[in-house]
C-alpha atoms as a PDB file:
ATOM      1  CA  MET A   1      -0.277  -0.154  -0.149  1.00  0.00           C
ATOM      2  CA  SER A   2       1.555   3.565  -0.998  1.00  0.00           C
ATOM      3  CA  GLU A   3       1.821   6.086   1.766  1.00  0.00           C
ATOM      4  CA  ASN A   4      -0.708   8.423   0.354  1.00  0.00           C
ATOM      5  CA  LYS A   5      -3.108   5.699   0.283  1.00  0.00           C
ATOM      6  CA  TYR A   6      -2.069   4.546   3.781  1.00  0.00           C
ATOM      7  CA  VAL A   7      -2.631   8.433   5.293  1.00  0.00           C
ATOM      8  CA  LYS A   8      -6.052   8.856   3.512  1.00  0.00           C
ATOM      9  CA  GLN A   9      -7.452   5.999   4.774  1.00  0.00           C
ATOM     10  CA  VAL A  10      -6.363   6.710   8.725  1.00  0.00           C
ATOM     11  CA  ASN A  11      -7.325  10.181   8.231  1.00  0.00           C
ATOM     12  CA  ARG A  12     -10.823   8.774   6.806  1.00  0.00           C
ATOM     13  CA  VAL A  13     -11.255   6.643   9.845  1.00  0.00           C
ATOM     14  CA  SER A  14      -9.843   9.507  12.125  1.00  0.00           C
ATOM     15  CA  ALA A  15     -12.466  11.864  10.641  1.00  0.00           C
ATOM     16  CA  VAL A  16     -15.343   9.481  11.586  1.00  0.00           C
ATOM     17  CA  THR A  17     -14.150   9.406  15.067  1.00  0.00           C
ATOM     18  CA  LEU A  18     -14.108  13.394  15.178  1.00  0.00           C
ATOM     19  CA  ALA A  19     -17.342  13.843  14.012  1.00  0.00           C
ATOM     20  CA  GLY A  20     -18.797  10.575  16.279  1.00  0.00           C
ATOM     21  CA  ASN A  21     -17.152  11.935  19.630  1.00  0.00           C
ATOM     22  CA  ALA A  22     -18.204  15.878  18.491  1.00  0.00           C
ATOM     23  CA  VAL A  23     -21.665  14.262  18.726  1.00  0.00           C
ATOM     24  CA  LEU A  24     -21.094  12.432  21.653  1.00  0.00           C
ATOM     25  CA  ALA A  25     -19.526  15.500  23.669  1.00  0.00           C
ATOM     26  CA  MET A  26     -22.382  17.930  22.734  1.00  0.00           C
ATOM     27  CA  GLY A  27     -24.819  15.378  23.623  1.00  0.00           C
ATOM     28  CA  LYS A  28     -23.547  14.085  26.843  1.00  0.00           C
ATOM     29  CA  PHE A  29     -22.531  17.614  27.867  1.00  0.00           C
ATOM     30  CA  LEU A  30     -26.334  18.765  27.333  1.00  0.00           C
ATOM     31  CA  GLY A  31     -27.669  15.826  29.049  1.00  0.00           C
ATOM     32  CA  GLY A  32     -25.587  15.881  32.023  1.00  0.00           C
ATOM     33  CA  ALA A  33     -26.288  19.732  32.650  1.00  0.00           C
ATOM     34  CA  LEU A  34     -29.769  19.060  32.187  1.00  0.00           C
ATOM     35  CA  ALA A  35     -30.657  15.799  33.436  1.00  0.00           C
ATOM     36  CA  HIS A  36     -28.476  16.256  36.273  1.00  0.00           C
ATOM     37  CA  SER A  37     -25.448  13.740  35.923  1.00  0.00           C
ATOM     38  CA  VAL A  38     -21.811  14.362  37.116  1.00  0.00           C
ATOM     39  CA  ALA A  39     -20.667  10.747  35.175  1.00  0.00           C
ATOM     40  CA  LEU A  40     -22.394  12.226  31.934  1.00  0.00           C
ATOM     41  CA  VAL A  41     -20.668  15.640  32.429  1.00  0.00           C
ATOM     42  CA  SER A  42     -17.301  13.665  32.831  1.00  0.00           C
ATOM     43  CA  ASP A  43     -18.059  11.508  30.014  1.00  0.00           C
ATOM     44  CA  ALA A  44     -18.621  14.228  27.670  1.00  0.00           C
ATOM     45  CA  ALA A  45     -15.170  15.566  28.627  1.00  0.00           C
ATOM     46  CA  GLN A  46     -13.874  12.096  27.822  1.00  0.00           C
ATOM     47  CA  SER A  47     -15.696  12.662  24.351  1.00  0.00           C
ATOM     48  CA  LEU A  48     -14.265  16.214  24.065  1.00  0.00           C
ATOM     49  CA  GLY A  49     -10.868  15.008  24.655  1.00  0.00           C
ATOM     50  CA  ASP A  50     -11.098  12.319  22.055  1.00  0.00           C
ATOM     51  CA  CYS A  51     -11.884  14.864  19.624  1.00  0.00           C
ATOM     52  CA  PHE A  52      -8.650  16.731  19.969  1.00  0.00           C
ATOM     53  CA  SER A  53      -6.960  13.226  20.051  1.00  0.00           C
ATOM     54  CA  ALA A  54      -8.495  12.352  16.506  1.00  0.00           C
ATOM     55  CA  GLY A  55      -7.186  15.813  15.343  1.00  0.00           C
ATOM     56  CA  VAL A  56      -3.542  14.774  16.786  1.00  0.00           C
ATOM     57  CA  VAL A  57      -3.218  11.454  14.876  1.00  0.00           C
ATOM     58  CA  MET A  58      -4.212  12.926  11.562  1.00  0.00           C
ATOM     59  CA  VAL A  59      -1.666  15.063  11.985  1.00  0.00           C
ATOM     60  CA  GLY A  60       0.834  12.794  13.275  1.00  0.00           C
ATOM     61  CA  VAL A  61      -0.141  10.265  10.292  1.00  0.00           C
ATOM     62  CA  HIS A  62       0.034  12.953   7.708  1.00  0.00           C
ATOM     63  CA  ILE A  63       3.856  13.560   8.898  1.00  0.00           C
ATOM     64  CA  ALA A  64       4.608   9.863   9.353  1.00  0.00           C
ATOM     65  CA  GLY A  65       3.727   9.445   5.705  1.00  0.00           C
ATOM     66  CA  ARG A  66       6.272  11.835   4.130  1.00  0.00           C
ATOM     67  CA  LYS A  67       8.817  10.195   2.090  1.00  0.00           C
ATOM     68  CA  SER A  68      12.230   9.617   3.349  1.00  0.00           C
ATOM     69  CA  ASP A  69      14.811  12.630   2.674  1.00  0.00           C
ATOM     70  CA  LYS A  70      18.306  13.620   3.335  1.00  0.00           C
ATOM     71  CA  ASP A  71      18.041  14.172   6.965  1.00  0.00           C
ATOM     72  CA  HIS A  72      15.698  11.105   7.657  1.00  0.00           C
ATOM     73  CA  PRO A  73      16.747   8.208   5.742  1.00  0.00           C
ATOM     74  CA  TYR A  74      14.647   5.424   6.978  1.00  0.00           C
ATOM     75  CA  GLY A  75      11.237   7.874   7.150  1.00  0.00           C
ATOM     76  CA  HIS A  76       9.239   9.498   9.216  1.00  0.00           C
ATOM     77  CA  GLU A  77       7.037   6.487  10.547  1.00  0.00           C
ATOM     78  CA  ARG A  78       7.807   6.759  14.113  1.00  0.00           C
ATOM     79  CA  MET A  79       5.834  10.301  14.081  1.00  0.00           C
ATOM     80  CA  GLU A  80       2.960   8.153  14.712  1.00  0.00           C
ATOM     81  CA  CYS A  81       4.065   6.838  17.597  1.00  0.00           C
ATOM     82  CA  ILE A  82       4.812  10.011  18.749  1.00  0.00           C
ATOM     83  CA  ALA A  83       1.129  10.644  18.182  1.00  0.00           C
ATOM     84  CA  ALA A  84       0.093   7.968  19.925  1.00  0.00           C
ATOM     85  CA  LEU A  85       1.954   9.113  22.978  1.00  0.00           C
ATOM     86  CA  ILE A  86       0.318  12.721  22.855  1.00  0.00           C
ATOM     87  CA  LEU A  87      -2.762  10.440  22.918  1.00  0.00           C
ATOM     88  CA  ALA A  88      -1.616   8.887  26.070  1.00  0.00           C
ATOM     89  CA  ALA A  89      -1.028  12.174  27.674  1.00  0.00           C
ATOM     90  CA  VAL A  90      -4.141  13.720  26.687  1.00  0.00           C
ATOM     91  CA  PHE A  91      -6.299  10.799  27.839  1.00  0.00           C
ATOM     92  CA  THR A  92      -4.306  11.336  31.696  1.00  0.00           C
ATOM     93  CA  ALA A  93      -4.784  14.593  31.832  1.00  0.00           C
ATOM     94  CA  THR A  94      -8.398  14.300  31.132  1.00  0.00           C
ATOM     95  CA  ALA A  95      -8.709  11.413  33.774  1.00  0.00           C
ATOM     96  CA  ILE A  96      -6.996  13.571  36.436  1.00  0.00           C
ATOM     97  CA  VAL A  97      -9.355  16.368  36.268  1.00  0.00           C
ATOM     98  CA  ILE A  98     -12.350  14.152  35.902  1.00  0.00           C
ATOM     99  CA  ALA A  99     -11.035  12.427  39.162  1.00  0.00           C
ATOM    100  CA  LEU A 100     -10.706  15.470  40.866  1.00  0.00           C
ATOM    101  CA  GLN A 101     -14.275  16.616  39.986  1.00  0.00           C
ATOM    102  CA  ALA A 102     -15.571  12.711  41.272  1.00  0.00           C
ATOM    103  CA  VAL A 103     -13.885  13.081  44.376  1.00  0.00           C
ATOM    104  CA  GLY A 104     -15.188  17.046  44.852  1.00  0.00           C
ATOM    105  CA  SER A 105     -18.605  15.709  44.238  1.00  0.00           C
ATOM    106  CA  ILE A 106     -18.295  12.771  46.561  1.00  0.00           C
ATOM    107  CA  VAL A 107     -16.736  14.845  49.400  1.00  0.00           C
ATOM    108  CA  ALA A 108     -19.771  17.091  49.245  1.00  0.00           C
ATOM    109  CA  ILE A 109     -22.394  14.624  49.254  1.00  0.00           C
ATOM    110  CA  ALA A 110     -20.755  12.947  52.291  1.00  0.00           C
ATOM    111  CA  ASP A 111     -20.965  16.414  53.904  1.00  0.00           C
ATOM    112  CA  GLY A 112     -24.584  16.149  53.895  1.00  0.00           C
ATOM    113  CA  GLN A 113     -24.976  18.622  50.734  1.00  0.00           C
ATOM    114  CA  GLU A 114     -28.535  17.398  49.023  1.00  0.00           C
ATOM    115  CA  VAL A 115     -28.047  16.650  45.070  1.00  0.00           C
ATOM    116  CA  GLU A 116     -30.603  16.539  42.575  1.00  0.00           C
ATOM    117  CA  PRO A 117     -31.230  12.911  41.339  1.00  0.00           C
ATOM    118  CA  PRO A 118     -30.492  12.352  37.395  1.00  0.00           C
ATOM    119  CA  THR A 119     -33.381  12.289  35.192  1.00  0.00           C
ATOM    120  CA  LEU A 120     -34.432   9.579  32.429  1.00  0.00           C
ATOM    121  CA  ALA A 121     -32.773  11.483  29.683  1.00  0.00           C
ATOM    122  CA  ALA A 122     -29.224  11.014  31.378  1.00  0.00           C
ATOM    123  CA  LEU A 123     -30.142   7.183  31.268  1.00  0.00           C
ATOM    124  CA  LEU A 124     -30.695   6.986  27.596  1.00  0.00           C
ATOM    125  CA  THR A 125     -28.078   9.304  26.507  1.00  0.00           C
ATOM    126  CA  ALA A 126     -25.750   6.794  28.392  1.00  0.00           C
ATOM    127  CA  VAL A 127     -27.346   4.090  26.694  1.00  0.00           C
ATOM    128  CA  ALA A 128     -26.887   5.741  23.214  1.00  0.00           C
ATOM    129  CA  SER A 129     -23.330   6.602  24.239  1.00  0.00           C
ATOM    130  CA  ILE A 130     -22.843   2.660  24.607  1.00  0.00           C
ATOM    131  CA  LEU A 131     -24.512   1.790  21.433  1.00  0.00           C
ATOM    132  CA  ILE A 132     -22.115   4.145  19.477  1.00  0.00           C
ATOM    133  CA  LYS A 133     -18.770   3.735  21.011  1.00  0.00           C
ATOM    134  CA  GLY A 134     -19.353  -0.039  20.565  1.00  0.00           C
ATOM    135  CA  GLY A 135     -19.634   0.777  16.893  1.00  0.00           C
ATOM    136  CA  LEU A 136     -16.948   2.754  16.131  1.00  0.00           C
ATOM    137  CA  TYR A 137     -14.492   0.558  18.435  1.00  0.00           C
ATOM    138  CA  ILE A 138     -15.284  -2.324  16.093  1.00  0.00           C
ATOM    139  CA  TYR A 139     -14.869  -0.015  12.574  1.00  0.00           C
ATOM    140  CA  THR A 140     -11.924   1.425  14.117  1.00  0.00           C
ATOM    141  CA  GLU A 141     -10.052  -1.626  15.589  1.00  0.00           C
ATOM    142  CA  ARG A 142     -10.821  -3.394  11.876  1.00  0.00           C
ATOM    143  CA  ARG A 143      -9.002  -0.641   9.881  1.00  0.00           C
ATOM    144  CA  ALA A 144      -6.343  -0.606  12.603  1.00  0.00           C
ATOM    145  CA  LYS A 145      -5.442  -4.000  12.129  1.00  0.00           C
ATOM    146  CA  ALA A 146      -5.870  -3.926   7.986  1.00  0.00           C
ATOM    147  CA  LEU A 147      -3.261  -0.882   8.259  1.00  0.00           C
ATOM    148  CA  ARG A 148      -1.151  -1.960  11.007  1.00  0.00           C
ATOM    149  CA  SER A 149      -1.700   1.742  12.588  1.00  0.00           C
ATOM    150  CA  SER A 150      -0.497   1.995  16.005  1.00  0.00           C
ATOM    151  CA  ALA A 151      -2.378   5.436  16.238  1.00  0.00           C
ATOM    152  CA  LEU A 152      -5.678   3.820  14.887  1.00  0.00           C
ATOM    153  CA  HIS A 153      -5.468   1.064  17.466  1.00  0.00           C
ATOM    154  CA  GLY A 154      -4.780   3.554  20.199  1.00  0.00           C
ATOM    155  CA  MET A 155      -8.440   5.351  19.330  1.00  0.00           C
ATOM    156  CA  ALA A 156     -10.070   1.718  19.012  1.00  0.00           C
ATOM    157  CA  VAL A 157      -8.859   0.633  22.271  1.00  0.00           C
ATOM    158  CA  ASP A 158     -10.254   4.310  23.446  1.00  0.00           C
ATOM    159  CA  HIS A 159     -13.469   3.522  22.167  1.00  0.00           C
ATOM    160  CA  LEU A 160     -13.747   0.374  23.861  1.00  0.00           C
ATOM    161  CA  SER A 161     -12.957   2.168  27.221  1.00  0.00           C
ATOM    162  CA  ASP A 162     -15.246   4.782  26.495  1.00  0.00           C
ATOM    163  CA  SER A 163     -17.932   2.339  26.095  1.00  0.00           C
ATOM    164  CA  LEU A 164     -17.274   0.748  28.859  1.00  0.00           C
ATOM    165  CA  SER A 165     -16.924   3.944  30.956  1.00  0.00           C
ATOM    166  CA  SER A 166     -20.581   4.690  29.629  1.00  0.00           C
ATOM    167  CA  VAL A 167     -21.334   1.284  31.438  1.00  0.00           C
ATOM    168  CA  GLY A 168     -20.095   2.706  34.235  1.00  0.00           C
ATOM    169  CA  ALA A 169     -21.943   5.984  34.002  1.00  0.00           C
ATOM    170  CA  LEU A 170     -25.278   3.808  33.273  1.00  0.00           C
ATOM    171  CA  ILE A 171     -24.845   1.829  36.363  1.00  0.00           C
ATOM    172  CA  GLY A 172     -24.204   5.223  38.434  1.00  0.00           C
ATOM    173  CA  ILE A 173     -27.093   6.938  37.147  1.00  0.00           C
ATOM    174  CA  ALA A 174     -29.579   4.253  37.477  1.00  0.00           C
ATOM    175  CA  GLY A 175     -28.453   4.024  41.201  1.00  0.00           C
ATOM    176  CA  ALA A 176     -28.505   7.877  41.574  1.00  0.00           C
ATOM    177  CA  MET A 177     -32.291   7.985  40.229  1.00  0.00           C
ATOM    178  CA  CYS A 178     -33.083   5.004  42.742  1.00  0.00           C
ATOM    179  CA  GLY A 179     -31.900   7.210  45.879  1.00  0.00           C
ATOM    180  CA  VAL A 180     -28.220   6.290  45.960  1.00  0.00           C
ATOM    181  CA  SER A 181     -26.625   9.744  44.707  1.00  0.00           C
ATOM    182  CA  VAL A 182     -22.853   9.061  45.371  1.00  0.00           C
ATOM    183  CA  LEU A 183     -23.024   6.472  42.783  1.00  0.00           C
ATOM    184  CA  ASP A 184     -22.956   9.172  40.252  1.00  0.00           C
ATOM    185  CA  PRO A 185     -19.850  10.379  41.115  1.00  0.00           C
ATOM    186  CA  ILE A 186     -18.457   7.167  41.978  1.00  0.00           C
ATOM    187  CA  ALA A 187     -19.276   6.595  38.410  1.00  0.00           C
ATOM    188  CA  SER A 188     -17.294   9.384  37.504  1.00  0.00           C
ATOM    189  CA  LEU A 189     -14.348   8.092  39.249  1.00  0.00           C
ATOM    190  CA  PHE A 190     -14.514   4.750  37.629  1.00  0.00           C
ATOM    191  CA  ILE A 191     -14.561   6.539  34.211  1.00  0.00           C
ATOM    192  CA  SER A 192     -11.290   8.168  35.299  1.00  0.00           C
ATOM    193  CA  VAL A 193      -9.706   4.634  35.822  1.00  0.00           C
ATOM    194  CA  MET A 194     -10.928   3.499  32.677  1.00  0.00           C
ATOM    195  CA  ILE A 195      -9.265   6.233  31.030  1.00  0.00           C
ATOM    196  CA  VAL A 196      -5.894   5.795  32.525  1.00  0.00           C
ATOM    197  CA  ARG A 197      -5.776   2.022  31.914  1.00  0.00           C
ATOM    198  CA  THR A 198      -6.363   3.047  28.285  1.00  0.00           C
ATOM    199  CA  ALA A 199      -3.936   5.577  28.160  1.00  0.00           C
ATOM    200  CA  TRP A 200      -1.147   3.005  29.594  1.00  0.00           C
ATOM    201  CA  GLY A 201      -2.272  -0.002  26.885  1.00  0.00           C
ATOM    202  CA  ILE A 202      -1.413   3.247  24.565  1.00  0.00           C
ATOM    203  CA  CYS A 203       2.137   4.234  25.198  1.00  0.00           C
ATOM    204  CA  ARG A 204       3.155   0.783  25.704  1.00  0.00           C
ATOM    205  CA  LEU A 205       2.547  -0.072  22.403  1.00  0.00           C
ATOM    206  CA  ALA A 206       4.294   3.187  21.105  1.00  0.00           C
ATOM    207  CA  VAL A 207       7.048   2.762  23.465  1.00  0.00           C
ATOM    208  CA  ASP A 208       7.852  -0.712  21.729  1.00  0.00           C
ATOM    209  CA  GLN A 209       7.844   0.573  18.508  1.00  0.00           C
ATOM    210  CA  LEU A 210      10.536   3.375  19.225  1.00  0.00           C
ATOM    211  CA  VAL A 211      12.815   1.263  21.062  1.00  0.00           C
ATOM    212  CA  ASP A 212      12.933  -1.314  18.083  1.00  0.00           C
ATOM    213  CA  LYS A 213      10.952  -4.155  19.460  1.00  0.00           C
ATOM    214  CA  ALA A 214      11.356  -7.233  17.119  1.00  0.00           C
ATOM    215  CA  ALA A 215       8.611  -8.196  14.944  1.00  0.00           C
ATOM    216  CA  PRO A 216       5.793 -10.840  15.943  1.00  0.00           C
ATOM    217  CA  PRO A 217       7.174 -14.213  15.994  1.00  0.00           C
ATOM    218  CA  ALA A 218       4.467 -15.087  13.318  1.00  0.00           C
ATOM    219  CA  LEU A 219       6.082 -12.560  11.052  1.00  0.00           C
ATOM    220  CA  GLU A 220       9.354 -13.964  11.409  1.00  0.00           C
ATOM    221  CA  LYS A 221       8.641 -17.323  10.635  1.00  0.00           C
ATOM    222  CA  GLN A 222       7.010 -16.116   7.667  1.00  0.00           C
ATOM    223  CA  ILE A 223      10.094 -14.539   6.658  1.00  0.00           C
ATOM    224  CA  GLU A 224      12.301 -17.507   7.580  1.00  0.00           C
ATOM    225  CA  ASP A 225      10.171 -19.754   5.418  1.00  0.00           C
ATOM    226  CA  ALA A 226      10.397 -17.394   2.629  1.00  0.00           C
ATOM    227  CA  VAL A 227      13.932 -17.037   2.834  1.00  0.00           C
ATOM    228  CA  LEU A 228      14.798 -20.865   3.187  1.00  0.00           C
ATOM    229  CA  SER A 229      13.031 -21.773  -0.141  1.00  0.00           C
ATOM    230  CA  THR A 230      14.563 -19.230  -2.096  1.00  0.00           C
ATOM    231  CA  GLU A 231      16.577 -21.370  -4.485  1.00  0.00           C
ATOM    232  CA  GLY A 232      20.402 -21.001  -3.351  1.00  0.00           C
ATOM    233  CA  VAL A 233      20.289 -20.293   0.525  1.00  0.00           C
ATOM    234  CA  GLU A 234      21.731 -23.002   2.421  1.00  0.00           C
ATOM    235  CA  ARG A 235      20.549 -21.629   5.860  1.00  0.00           C
ATOM    236  CA  ILE A 236      20.038 -18.434   7.644  1.00  0.00           C
ATOM    237  CA  ASP A 237      22.786 -17.248   9.987  1.00  0.00           C
ATOM    238  CA  VAL A 238      21.087 -14.258  11.620  1.00  0.00           C
ATOM    239  CA  LEU A 239      17.693 -13.020  11.592  1.00  0.00           C
ATOM    240  CA  ARG A 240      16.888  -9.990  12.937  1.00  0.00           C
ATOM    241  CA  THR A 241      13.419  -7.705  12.689  1.00  0.00           C
ATOM    242  CA  ARG A 242      12.631  -4.331  14.268  1.00  0.00           C
ATOM    243  CA  GLN A 243       9.661  -2.442  14.491  1.00  0.00           C
ATOM    244  CA  TYR A 244       9.804   1.309  13.170  1.00  0.00           C
ATOM    245  CA  GLY A 245       6.345   2.995  13.619  1.00  0.00           C
ATOM    246  CA  ASN A 246       3.552   0.699  11.696  1.00  0.00           C
ATOM    247  CA  LYS A 247       6.649  -0.560   9.273  1.00  0.00           C
ATOM    248  CA  VAL A 248       9.098  -3.813   9.809  1.00  0.00           C
ATOM    249  CA  PHE A 249      13.003  -3.627   9.197  1.00  0.00           C
ATOM    250  CA  VAL A 250      14.827  -6.891   8.487  1.00  0.00           C
ATOM    251  CA  ASP A 251      18.366  -7.557   8.682  1.00  0.00           C
ATOM    252  CA  LEU A 252      19.722 -10.971   7.357  1.00  0.00           C
ATOM    253  CA  GLU A 253      22.662 -13.017   7.149  1.00  0.00           C
ATOM    254  CA  ILE A 254      22.431 -16.148   4.690  1.00  0.00           C
ATOM    255  CA  ALA A 255      24.919 -18.884   3.986  1.00  0.00           C
ATOM    256  CA  VAL A 256      25.575 -20.131   0.600  1.00  0.00           C
ATOM    257  CA  ARG A 257      27.947 -22.414  -1.148  1.00  0.00           C
ATOM    258  CA  ALA A 258      31.467 -21.463  -0.789  1.00  0.00           C
ATOM    259  CA  ASP A 259      32.296 -22.350  -4.510  1.00  0.00           C
ATOM    260  CA  LEU A 260      30.047 -19.636  -5.768  1.00  0.00           C
ATOM    261  CA  SER A 261      31.251 -16.652  -7.970  1.00  0.00           C
ATOM    262  CA  LEU A 262      30.464 -13.155  -5.999  1.00  0.00           C
ATOM    263  CA  ILE A 263      27.958 -12.742  -8.928  1.00  0.00           C
ATOM    264  CA  ASP A 264      25.905 -15.656  -8.580  1.00  0.00           C
ATOM    265  CA  ALA A 265      25.968 -15.067  -4.231  1.00  0.00           C
ATOM    266  CA  HIS A 266      24.815 -11.524  -5.082  1.00  0.00           C
ATOM    267  CA  ARG A 267      21.993 -12.931  -7.347  1.00  0.00           C
ATOM    268  CA  ILE A 268      20.851 -15.157  -4.399  1.00  0.00           C
ATOM    269  CA  ALA A 269      21.268 -12.074  -2.105  1.00  0.00           C
ATOM    270  CA  GLU A 270      18.636  -9.862  -4.602  1.00  0.00           C
ATOM    271  CA  ARG A 271      16.272 -13.015  -4.592  1.00  0.00           C
ATOM    272  CA  VAL A 272      15.974 -12.812  -1.169  1.00  0.00           C
ATOM    273  CA  HIS A 273      15.637  -9.215  -1.181  1.00  0.00           C
ATOM    274  CA  ALA A 274      12.897  -9.261  -3.499  1.00  0.00           C
ATOM    275  CA  ARG A 275      10.881 -11.858  -1.571  1.00  0.00           C
ATOM    276  CA  VAL A 276      11.231 -10.875   1.788  1.00  0.00           C
ATOM    277  CA  GLU A 277       9.864  -7.130   0.656  1.00  0.00           C
ATOM    278  CA  HIS A 278       7.346  -8.040  -1.986  1.00  0.00           C
ATOM    279  CA  GLU A 279       6.340 -11.287  -1.332  1.00  0.00           C
ATOM    280  CA  THR A 280       6.333 -11.770   2.590  1.00  0.00           C
ATOM    281  CA  ASP A 281       4.154  -8.831   4.365  1.00  0.00           C
ATOM    282  CA  GLU A 282       3.207  -5.427   3.484  1.00  0.00           C
ATOM    283  CA  SER A 283       4.765  -3.912   6.491  1.00  0.00           C
ATOM    284  CA  ILE A 284       8.138  -4.770   5.687  1.00  0.00           C
ATOM    285  CA  LYS A 285       9.600  -1.698   4.639  1.00  0.00           C
ATOM    286  CA  HIS A 286      13.649  -2.923   4.005  1.00  0.00           C
ATOM    287  CA  CYS A 287      15.303  -5.959   4.362  1.00  0.00           C
ATOM    288  CA  MET A 288      19.444  -6.077   3.966  1.00  0.00           C
ATOM    289  CA  VAL A 289      20.943  -8.915   3.266  1.00  0.00           C
ATOM    290  CA  HIS A 290      24.497 -10.213   4.125  1.00  0.00           C
ATOM    291  CA  VAL A 291      25.927 -13.377   2.444  1.00  0.00           C
ATOM    292  CA  ASN A 292      28.113 -15.821   4.282  1.00  0.00           C
ATOM    293  CA  PRO A 293      29.955 -18.570   2.588  1.00  0.00           C
ATOM    294  CA  LEU A 294      28.967 -22.138   3.856  1.00  0.00           C
ATOM    295  CA  THR A 295      32.145 -23.755   5.051  1.00  0.00           C
ATOM    296  CA  GLY A 296      32.993 -26.610   7.197  1.00  0.00           C
ATOM    297  CA  GLU A 297      34.225 -24.803   9.983  1.00  0.00           C
ATOM    298  CA  ASP A 298      30.983 -23.393  10.887  1.00  0.00           C
ATOM    299  CA  ASN A 299      28.747 -25.066  13.214  1.00  0.00           C
ATOM    300  CA  HIS A 300      25.534 -24.348  11.959  1.00  0.00           C
ATOM    301  CA  GLU A 301      24.124 -27.294   9.655  1.00  0.00           C
ATOM    302  CA  SER A 302      21.902 -26.321   6.411  1.00  0.00           C
ATOM    303  CA  PRO A 303      18.520 -27.375   6.349  1.00  0.00           C
ATOM    304  CA  GLN A 304      19.361 -29.548   3.654  1.00  0.00           C
ATOM    305  CA  GLN A 305      21.427 -31.546   6.058  1.00  0.00           C
ATOM    306  CA  GLU A 306      19.407 -31.719   8.736  1.00  0.00           C
ATOM    307  CA  MET A 307      16.576 -33.451   6.420  1.00  0.00           C
ATOM    308  CA  GLU A 308      19.449 -36.164   5.349  1.00  0.00           C
END
């Protein structure tokens, strides 16, 4: 998939998320304010933060999609990881604000302050939020897997967290409507905990991609099978992979017969390079191949020797 097509598809998903969260934020805020629900107002603040986050993803992915240049010969894919880290920071800040407001409401209720119970409108708004956020999660996660986008995955996880948070808000609102008014701010506190949990998951994934974590074992096995099935390759001496944003770089050392000419050995390396980059997985951006001679002094045995 070309970089321009990737950016367009990620931006399309981000735009859907932005529009959905804008509608939800407005609906939750009005519903919470008019229907007397602290939990719903907290949920609205979360959706408002998600609108900002969608904008961050769009900018981050746009920068990540730029072509390699002299100053950035490996490309700009890691900017998407930076965008994911910004998402995590925004979510954490939102959670802190919500938690402080919830604790203040709990303390006020404990001191005897009378609180007007939420109305049916708050309950219905929470139900609508659960359904909409659940739909956004399914849509965004499918696109994240298809595009291998850490930023989109972060948004998808946030949608799921929002949906679960709305379940908590629903329980709190229902409890407050039944006379247990403290359940509404407790639900708001639960929402803040869910947001922090989401932020931690997004942060961990982004950091893994920033520190050159290896590709998944299934992808490494796919690369290994492609290399060993290439004519002229006797064995793999070294196979290293590293994630670079949503892309993967591969470093290979292969062994070929020691009596081959330099030209023949080079041709084998070219075939391996082409197979790994173009026939294995579209997430692989570059493969570096080093050729070693297969000698009797080497402790490794070739696949053909092992089969015999």
